[in-house]
């Protein structure tokens, strides 16, 4: 009958490897198996060692290299090129859309506030009429001066 580990043993071995990597910088898979199962037969099974090593390196956070202590064993190390996946890295287009949306909302809020400040002031009708008269008078003056220039070459 082939050797197999329970699901709980598998989880404990993976946790033991990760904890040992944090403390020591690396961990040998066979050593972690022996620490959890307390039996050497699992440590000598290349199939179990390979499955545990491949399970832990799936995330690319860790890498494996052949162990110098045993030809069937692996040392697990932290991958120096590993960068943790973030939502921004996984969804760059959605991130840009979200940034644009936030910018648009901010612009709308600022324009509403400015509109309230500018339009919300009471307007003096007398000042408006005086301003319109000034504009009309200045436009008449400019038109009349243009006509006079054209008549007197």
N, C-alpha and C. Protein backbone atom coordinates (compact mmCIF):
# COMPACT_ATOMS: atom_id res chain seq x y z
N UNK A 1 0.85 -1.18 0.00
CA UNK A 1 0.00 0.00 0.00
C UNK A 1 0.90 1.25 0.00
N UNK A 2 0.61 2.22 -0.92
CA UNK A 2 1.45 3.42 -1.00
C UNK A 2 1.25 4.30 0.23
N UNK A 3 2.30 5.01 0.57
CA UNK A 3 2.24 5.92 1.71
C UNK A 3 1.43 7.15 1.33
N UNK A 4 0.69 7.68 2.29
CA UNK A 4 -0.04 8.92 2.05
C UNK A 4 -0.16 9.67 3.37
N UNK A 5 -0.29 10.94 3.25
CA UNK A 5 -0.43 11.82 4.41
C UNK A 5 -1.88 12.25 4.54
N UNK A 6 -2.31 12.50 5.76
CA UNK A 6 -3.65 13.05 5.94
C UNK A 6 -3.63 14.52 5.52
N UNK A 7 -4.77 15.07 5.32
CA UNK A 7 -4.87 16.48 4.93
C UNK A 7 -4.31 17.38 6.03
N UNK A 8 -4.58 17.04 7.27
CA UNK A 8 -4.08 17.83 8.40
C UNK A 8 -2.55 17.76 8.47
N UNK A 9 -1.98 16.57 8.25
CA UNK A 9 -0.53 16.44 8.25
C UNK A 9 0.09 17.29 7.14
N UNK A 10 -0.55 17.26 5.98
CA UNK A 10 -0.07 18.05 4.84
C UNK A 10 -0.05 19.54 5.18
N UNK A 11 -1.13 20.03 5.78
CA UNK A 11 -1.21 21.44 6.17
C UNK A 11 -0.15 21.78 7.21
N UNK A 12 0.03 20.88 8.18
CA UNK A 12 1.02 21.12 9.23
C UNK A 12 2.44 21.15 8.65
N UNK A 13 2.72 20.27 7.70
CA UNK A 13 4.05 20.24 7.07
C UNK A 13 4.30 21.53 6.30
N UNK A 14 3.31 21.99 5.54
CA UNK A 14 3.46 23.24 4.78
C UNK A 14 3.69 24.41 5.73
N UNK A 15 2.94 24.44 6.83
CA UNK A 15 3.10 25.51 7.81
C UNK A 15 4.48 25.44 8.46
N UNK A 16 4.94 24.23 8.77
CA UNK A 16 6.27 24.05 9.37
C UNK A 16 7.36 24.56 8.42
N UNK A 17 7.22 24.26 7.13
CA UNK A 17 8.20 24.72 6.15
C UNK A 17 8.21 26.24 6.08
N UNK A 18 7.03 26.85 6.00
CA UNK A 18 6.96 28.32 5.91
C UNK A 18 7.54 28.98 7.15
N UNK A 19 7.20 28.44 8.31
CA UNK A 19 7.73 29.02 9.55
C UNK A 19 9.25 28.88 9.62
N UNK A 20 9.77 27.73 9.21
CA UNK A 20 11.22 27.53 9.26
C UNK A 20 11.94 28.43 8.25
N UNK A 21 11.31 28.69 7.11
CA UNK A 21 11.90 29.61 6.13
C UNK A 21 11.98 31.01 6.72
N UNK A 22 10.94 31.41 7.46
CA UNK A 22 10.96 32.73 8.09
C UNK A 22 12.09 32.84 9.11
N UNK A 23 12.33 31.76 9.86
CA UNK A 23 13.36 31.78 10.90
C UNK A 23 14.76 31.56 10.33
N UNK A 24 14.93 30.55 9.49
CA UNK A 24 16.25 30.11 9.07
C UNK A 24 16.63 30.54 7.64
N UNK A 25 15.65 30.90 6.83
CA UNK A 25 15.93 31.29 5.44
C UNK A 25 15.70 30.18 4.44
N UNK A 26 15.66 28.92 4.92
CA UNK A 26 15.35 27.80 4.03
C UNK A 26 14.83 26.64 4.88
N UNK A 27 14.33 25.60 4.21
CA UNK A 27 13.84 24.42 4.92
C UNK A 27 13.91 23.22 4.00
N UNK A 28 14.35 22.10 4.54
CA UNK A 28 14.38 20.85 3.79
C UNK A 28 13.05 20.15 3.98
N UNK A 29 12.42 19.72 2.88
CA UNK A 29 11.09 19.11 2.92
C UNK A 29 11.10 17.84 3.77
N UNK A 30 12.09 16.97 3.59
CA UNK A 30 12.16 15.73 4.36
C UNK A 30 12.23 15.98 5.86
N UNK A 31 12.97 17.01 6.25
CA UNK A 31 13.06 17.36 7.67
C UNK A 31 11.69 17.76 8.22
N UNK A 32 10.96 18.58 7.47
CA UNK A 32 9.64 19.03 7.93
C UNK A 32 8.67 17.85 8.02
N UNK A 33 8.76 16.92 7.07
CA UNK A 33 7.89 15.74 7.11
C UNK A 33 8.20 14.93 8.37
N UNK A 34 9.46 14.72 8.68
CA UNK A 34 9.85 13.95 9.86
C UNK A 34 9.40 14.65 11.14
N UNK A 35 9.48 15.98 11.18
CA UNK A 35 9.07 16.72 12.37
C UNK A 35 7.58 16.55 12.66
N UNK A 36 6.77 16.49 11.62
CA UNK A 36 5.32 16.39 11.80
C UNK A 36 4.87 14.95 11.98
N UNK A 37 5.35 14.05 11.12
CA UNK A 37 4.85 12.66 11.16
C UNK A 37 5.58 11.81 12.21
N UNK A 38 6.76 12.20 12.62
CA UNK A 38 7.58 11.46 13.58
C UNK A 38 7.98 10.08 13.05
N UNK A 39 7.94 9.90 11.73
CA UNK A 39 8.31 8.62 11.13
C UNK A 39 9.24 8.87 9.94
N UNK A 40 10.28 8.05 9.82
CA UNK A 40 11.25 8.20 8.75
C UNK A 40 10.72 7.70 7.40
N UNK A 41 9.76 6.80 7.42
CA UNK A 41 9.30 6.22 6.15
C UNK A 41 8.74 7.29 5.21
N UNK A 42 8.12 8.31 5.74
CA UNK A 42 7.59 9.38 4.89
C UNK A 42 8.73 10.22 4.31
N UNK A 43 9.76 10.42 5.11
CA UNK A 43 10.91 11.21 4.69
C UNK A 43 11.65 10.55 3.54
N UNK A 44 11.52 9.24 3.41
CA UNK A 44 12.23 8.51 2.36
C UNK A 44 11.38 8.31 1.11
N UNK A 45 10.17 8.83 1.10
CA UNK A 45 9.28 8.66 -0.05
C UNK A 45 9.45 9.82 -1.02
N UNK A 46 10.07 9.57 -2.21
CA UNK A 46 10.25 10.68 -3.17
C UNK A 46 8.93 11.25 -3.65
N UNK A 47 7.92 10.39 -3.72
CA UNK A 47 6.60 10.85 -4.19
C UNK A 47 6.02 11.89 -3.23
N UNK A 48 6.06 11.62 -1.94
CA UNK A 48 5.50 12.55 -0.95
C UNK A 48 6.33 13.84 -0.90
N UNK A 49 7.64 13.69 -0.91
CA UNK A 49 8.51 14.87 -0.88
C UNK A 49 8.25 15.75 -2.09
N UNK A 50 8.13 15.14 -3.26
CA UNK A 50 7.87 15.90 -4.50
C UNK A 50 6.52 16.62 -4.43
N UNK A 51 5.49 15.94 -3.93
CA UNK A 51 4.16 16.56 -3.83
C UNK A 51 4.17 17.76 -2.89
N UNK A 52 4.82 17.61 -1.74
CA UNK A 52 4.89 18.72 -0.77
C UNK A 52 5.67 19.89 -1.37
N UNK A 53 6.81 19.59 -1.99
CA UNK A 53 7.64 20.65 -2.58
C UNK A 53 6.88 21.39 -3.68
N UNK A 54 6.19 20.64 -4.53
CA UNK A 54 5.45 21.27 -5.63
C UNK A 54 4.26 22.08 -5.12
N UNK A 55 3.65 21.61 -4.04
CA UNK A 55 2.53 22.35 -3.46
C UNK A 55 2.98 23.72 -2.96
N UNK A 56 4.12 23.75 -2.27
CA UNK A 56 4.55 25.02 -1.65
C UNK A 56 5.10 26.00 -2.68
N UNK A 57 5.58 25.53 -3.82
CA UNK A 57 6.15 26.47 -4.81
C UNK A 57 5.11 26.95 -5.83
N UNK A 58 3.87 26.49 -5.73
CA UNK A 58 2.84 26.88 -6.70
C UNK A 58 2.61 28.38 -6.75
N UNK A 59 2.72 29.05 -5.63
CA UNK A 59 2.43 30.49 -5.58
C UNK A 59 3.57 31.35 -6.10
N UNK A 60 4.72 30.74 -6.42
CA UNK A 60 5.93 31.45 -6.85
C UNK A 60 6.57 32.25 -5.73
N UNK A 61 6.02 32.17 -4.51
CA UNK A 61 6.63 32.86 -3.38
C UNK A 61 7.89 32.12 -2.94
N UNK A 62 7.92 30.81 -3.20
CA UNK A 62 9.06 29.98 -2.81
C UNK A 62 9.60 29.24 -4.03
N UNK A 63 10.87 28.86 -3.94
CA UNK A 63 11.49 28.05 -4.99
C UNK A 63 12.09 26.81 -4.34
N UNK A 64 12.30 25.78 -5.15
CA UNK A 64 12.93 24.57 -4.61
C UNK A 64 14.24 24.33 -5.33
N UNK A 65 15.16 23.72 -4.61
CA UNK A 65 16.43 23.31 -5.21
C UNK A 65 16.80 21.96 -4.61
N UNK A 66 17.52 21.13 -5.35
CA UNK A 66 17.89 19.81 -4.81
C UNK A 66 18.70 19.95 -3.53
N UNK A 67 18.43 19.08 -2.59
CA UNK A 67 19.13 19.10 -1.31
C UNK A 67 20.48 18.41 -1.44
N UNK A 68 21.48 18.91 -0.74
CA UNK A 68 22.80 18.28 -0.74
C UNK A 68 22.83 17.10 0.24
N UNK A 69 21.89 17.05 1.15
CA UNK A 69 21.86 15.99 2.15
C UNK A 69 21.22 14.70 1.64
N UNK A 70 20.31 14.83 0.68
CA UNK A 70 19.61 13.65 0.18
C UNK A 70 19.28 13.86 -1.30
N UNK A 71 19.51 12.85 -2.14
CA UNK A 71 19.24 13.02 -3.58
C UNK A 71 17.75 13.11 -3.92
N UNK A 72 16.88 12.68 -3.02
CA UNK A 72 15.44 12.74 -3.31
C UNK A 72 14.76 13.92 -2.62
N UNK A 73 15.51 14.69 -1.86
CA UNK A 73 14.93 15.76 -1.05
C UNK A 73 15.15 17.13 -1.72
N UNK A 74 14.40 18.12 -1.25
CA UNK A 74 14.50 19.49 -1.78
C UNK A 74 14.63 20.48 -0.64
N UNK A 75 15.40 21.51 -0.88
CA UNK A 75 15.43 22.68 0.00
C UNK A 75 14.44 23.69 -0.57
N UNK A 76 13.64 24.27 0.30
CA UNK A 76 12.69 25.29 -0.12
C UNK A 76 13.22 26.64 0.37
N UNK A 77 13.27 27.59 -0.54
CA UNK A 77 13.79 28.93 -0.25
C UNK A 77 12.77 29.98 -0.69
N UNK A 78 12.87 31.16 -0.12
CA UNK A 78 12.03 32.27 -0.57
C UNK A 78 12.53 32.71 -1.95
N UNK A 79 11.60 32.95 -2.87
CA UNK A 79 11.95 33.38 -4.22
C UNK A 79 12.33 34.87 -4.17
N UNK A 80 13.58 35.21 -4.50
CA UNK A 80 13.99 36.62 -4.41
C UNK A 80 13.31 37.51 -5.45
N UNK A 81 12.77 36.92 -6.51
CA UNK A 81 12.12 37.71 -7.55
C UNK A 81 10.60 37.77 -7.37
N UNK A 82 10.11 37.25 -6.27
CA UNK A 82 8.67 37.21 -6.05
C UNK A 82 8.15 38.58 -5.65
N UNK A 83 7.08 38.99 -6.31
CA UNK A 83 6.36 40.21 -5.95
C UNK A 83 4.93 39.81 -5.68
N UNK A 84 4.45 40.19 -4.53
CA UNK A 84 3.10 39.81 -4.14
C UNK A 84 2.09 40.44 -5.10
N UNK A 85 1.16 39.63 -5.56
CA UNK A 85 0.12 40.11 -6.47
C UNK A 85 -0.82 41.04 -5.71
N UNK A 86 -1.03 42.20 -6.24
CA UNK A 86 -2.00 43.12 -5.66
C UNK A 86 -3.16 43.29 -6.63
N UNK A 87 -4.23 43.85 -6.15
CA UNK A 87 -5.39 44.05 -7.01
C UNK A 87 -5.03 44.97 -8.17
N UNK A 88 -4.19 45.95 -7.90
CA UNK A 88 -3.78 46.91 -8.93
C UNK A 88 -2.99 46.20 -10.03
N UNK A 89 -2.10 45.28 -9.64
CA UNK A 89 -1.33 44.53 -10.63
C UNK A 89 -2.19 43.57 -11.43
N UNK A 90 -3.19 42.99 -10.78
CA UNK A 90 -4.06 42.03 -11.46
C UNK A 90 -5.04 42.70 -12.41
N UNK A 91 -5.48 43.91 -12.06
CA UNK A 91 -6.52 44.60 -12.84
C UNK A 91 -6.10 46.03 -13.17
N UNK A 92 -5.11 46.21 -14.04
CA UNK A 92 -4.64 47.58 -14.30
C UNK A 92 -5.68 48.44 -15.02
N UNK A 93 -6.49 47.86 -15.87
CA UNK A 93 -7.50 48.64 -16.58
C UNK A 93 -8.58 49.12 -15.62
N UNK A 94 -9.02 48.22 -14.74
CA UNK A 94 -10.03 48.60 -13.75
C UNK A 94 -9.49 49.68 -12.82
N UNK A 95 -8.21 49.61 -12.51
CA UNK A 95 -7.60 50.63 -11.66
C UNK A 95 -7.63 51.99 -12.34
N UNK A 96 -7.32 52.02 -13.63
CA UNK A 96 -7.36 53.28 -14.38
C UNK A 96 -8.79 53.83 -14.46
N UNK A 97 -9.76 52.95 -14.67
CA UNK A 97 -11.16 53.37 -14.71
C UNK A 97 -11.57 53.94 -13.36
N UNK A 98 -11.17 53.28 -12.28
CA UNK A 98 -11.48 53.76 -10.94
C UNK A 98 -10.85 55.12 -10.67
N UNK A 99 -9.60 55.29 -11.09
CA UNK A 99 -8.95 56.59 -10.93
C UNK A 99 -9.69 57.68 -11.70
N UNK A 100 -10.10 57.36 -12.93
CA UNK A 100 -10.84 58.33 -13.75
C UNK A 100 -12.17 58.68 -13.10
N UNK A 101 -12.84 57.68 -12.57
CA UNK A 101 -14.14 57.92 -11.91
C UNK A 101 -13.96 58.82 -10.71
N UNK A 102 -12.96 58.56 -9.90
CA UNK A 102 -12.71 59.38 -8.70
C UNK A 102 -12.37 60.81 -9.11
N UNK A 103 -11.57 60.97 -10.16
CA UNK A 103 -11.22 62.30 -10.64
C UNK A 103 -12.46 63.04 -11.14
N UNK A 104 -13.33 62.34 -11.86
CA UNK A 104 -14.55 62.96 -12.38
C UNK A 104 -15.47 63.39 -11.23
N UNK A 105 -15.62 62.53 -10.25
CA UNK A 105 -16.47 62.87 -9.10
C UNK A 105 -15.91 64.10 -8.37
N UNK A 106 -14.60 64.11 -8.19
CA UNK A 106 -13.97 65.26 -7.54
C UNK A 106 -14.19 66.53 -8.34
N UNK A 107 -14.05 66.46 -9.65
CA UNK A 107 -14.25 67.63 -10.51
C UNK A 107 -15.69 68.13 -10.43
N UNK A 108 -16.63 67.21 -10.40
CA UNK A 108 -18.04 67.59 -10.30
C UNK A 108 -18.31 68.28 -8.96
N UNK A 109 -17.76 67.73 -7.90
CA UNK A 109 -17.97 68.33 -6.58
C UNK A 109 -17.38 69.74 -6.53
N UNK A 110 -16.19 69.92 -7.06
CA UNK A 110 -15.57 71.24 -7.08
C UNK A 110 -16.39 72.21 -7.92
N UNK A 111 -16.87 71.76 -9.08
CA UNK A 111 -17.64 72.67 -9.93
C UNK A 111 -18.98 73.03 -9.29
N UNK A 112 -19.59 72.11 -8.58
CA UNK A 112 -20.86 72.42 -7.89
C UNK A 112 -20.61 73.44 -6.78
N UNK A 113 -19.56 73.23 -6.02
CA UNK A 113 -19.24 74.17 -4.95
C UNK A 113 -18.95 75.56 -5.51
N UNK A 114 -18.16 75.63 -6.57
CA UNK A 114 -17.87 76.93 -7.18
C UNK A 114 -19.12 77.57 -7.76
N UNK A 115 -19.98 76.77 -8.37
CA UNK A 115 -21.23 77.31 -8.91
C UNK A 115 -22.10 77.89 -7.81
N UNK A 116 -22.17 77.21 -6.70
CA UNK A 116 -22.97 77.72 -5.58
C UNK A 116 -22.38 79.02 -5.06
N UNK A 117 -21.07 79.08 -4.97
CA UNK A 117 -20.43 80.30 -4.47
C UNK A 117 -20.60 81.46 -5.43
N UNK A 118 -20.50 81.20 -6.73
CA UNK A 118 -20.58 82.28 -7.72
C UNK A 118 -22.03 82.64 -8.00
N UNK A 119 -22.85 81.69 -8.30
CA UNK A 119 -24.24 81.96 -8.68
C UNK A 119 -25.09 82.28 -7.46
N UNK A 120 -24.69 81.76 -6.33
CA UNK A 120 -25.48 81.95 -5.12
C UNK A 120 -25.48 83.38 -4.59
N UNK A 121 -24.56 84.22 -5.06
CA UNK A 121 -24.53 85.61 -4.60
C UNK A 121 -25.71 86.37 -5.18
N UNK A 122 -26.35 87.21 -4.38
CA UNK A 122 -27.45 88.02 -4.92
C UNK A 122 -26.91 89.04 -5.93
N UNK A 123 -27.64 89.19 -7.01
CA UNK A 123 -27.21 90.10 -8.07
C UNK A 123 -27.97 91.41 -7.94
N UNK A 124 -27.23 92.49 -8.01
CA UNK A 124 -27.82 93.82 -7.95
C UNK A 124 -28.19 94.22 -9.37
N UNK A 125 -29.48 94.38 -9.62
CA UNK A 125 -29.97 94.68 -10.98
C UNK A 125 -29.46 96.03 -11.48
N UNK A 126 -29.29 96.96 -10.61
CA UNK A 126 -28.81 98.28 -11.02
C UNK A 126 -27.38 98.16 -11.56
N UNK A 127 -26.53 97.37 -10.90
CA UNK A 127 -25.16 97.18 -11.36
C UNK A 127 -25.12 96.48 -12.71
N UNK A 128 -26.05 95.54 -12.90
CA UNK A 128 -26.10 94.81 -14.17
C UNK A 128 -26.47 95.78 -15.29
N UNK A 129 -27.45 96.63 -15.07
CA UNK A 129 -27.87 97.59 -16.10
C UNK A 129 -26.75 98.56 -16.42
N UNK A 130 -26.03 99.02 -15.41
CA UNK A 130 -24.92 99.94 -15.64
C UNK A 130 -23.83 99.25 -16.46
N UNK A 131 -23.56 98.00 -16.15
CA UNK A 131 -22.54 97.24 -16.88
C UNK A 131 -22.95 97.06 -18.34
N UNK A 132 -24.23 96.76 -18.57
CA UNK A 132 -24.72 96.59 -19.94
C UNK A 132 -24.61 97.90 -20.72
N UNK A 133 -24.91 99.01 -20.06
CA UNK A 133 -24.80 100.31 -20.74
C UNK A 133 -23.35 100.61 -21.09
N UNK A 134 -22.44 100.30 -20.19
CA UNK A 134 -21.01 100.52 -20.47
C UNK A 134 -20.55 99.68 -21.66
N UNK A 135 -20.99 98.44 -21.69
CA UNK A 135 -20.60 97.55 -22.78
C UNK A 135 -21.18 98.06 -24.09
N UNK A 136 -22.45 98.46 -24.08
CA UNK A 136 -23.08 98.96 -25.30
C UNK A 136 -22.41 100.26 -25.76
N UNK A 137 -22.10 101.14 -24.82
CA UNK A 137 -21.46 102.40 -25.16
C UNK A 137 -20.07 102.16 -25.74
N UNK A 138 -19.31 101.25 -25.14
CA UNK A 138 -17.95 100.99 -25.63
C UNK A 138 -18.00 100.32 -26.99
N UNK A 139 -19.00 99.46 -27.24
CA UNK A 139 -19.09 98.83 -28.56
C UNK A 139 -19.52 99.86 -29.60
N UNK A 140 -20.40 100.81 -29.23
CA UNK A 140 -20.79 101.87 -30.15
C UNK A 140 -19.61 102.77 -30.46
N UNK A 141 -18.83 103.08 -29.44
CA UNK A 141 -17.65 103.93 -29.64
C UNK A 141 -16.67 103.26 -30.60
N UNK A 142 -16.45 101.97 -30.44
CA UNK A 142 -15.49 101.27 -31.30
C UNK A 142 -16.03 101.17 -32.72
N UNK A 143 -17.34 100.98 -32.88
CA UNK A 143 -17.92 100.92 -34.23
C UNK A 143 -17.83 102.28 -34.89
N UNK A 144 -18.15 103.32 -34.17
CA UNK A 144 -18.11 104.66 -34.76
C UNK A 144 -16.68 105.05 -35.10
N UNK A 145 -15.72 104.70 -34.28
CA UNK A 145 -14.33 105.05 -34.60
C UNK A 145 -13.85 104.27 -35.82
N UNK A 146 -14.32 103.04 -35.98
CA UNK A 146 -13.94 102.25 -37.17
C UNK A 146 -14.55 102.88 -38.40
N UNK A 147 -15.78 103.35 -38.33
CA UNK A 147 -16.43 103.98 -39.48
C UNK A 147 -15.71 105.27 -39.85
N UNK A 148 -15.35 106.07 -38.87
CA UNK A 148 -14.65 107.32 -39.13
C UNK A 148 -13.29 107.07 -39.76
N UNK A 149 -12.60 106.02 -39.34
CA UNK A 149 -11.30 105.70 -39.93
C UNK A 149 -11.45 105.30 -41.39
N UNK A 150 -12.50 104.59 -41.68
CA UNK A 150 -12.73 104.14 -43.06
C UNK A 150 -13.13 105.29 -43.97
N UNK A 151 -13.82 106.31 -43.46
CA UNK A 151 -14.24 107.44 -44.26
C UNK A 151 -13.11 108.41 -44.52
N UNK A 152 -12.20 108.56 -43.59
CA UNK A 152 -11.07 109.47 -43.71
C UNK A 152 -9.79 108.67 -43.95
N UNK A 153 -9.54 108.38 -45.22
CA UNK A 153 -8.30 107.63 -45.47
C UNK A 153 -7.06 108.46 -45.45
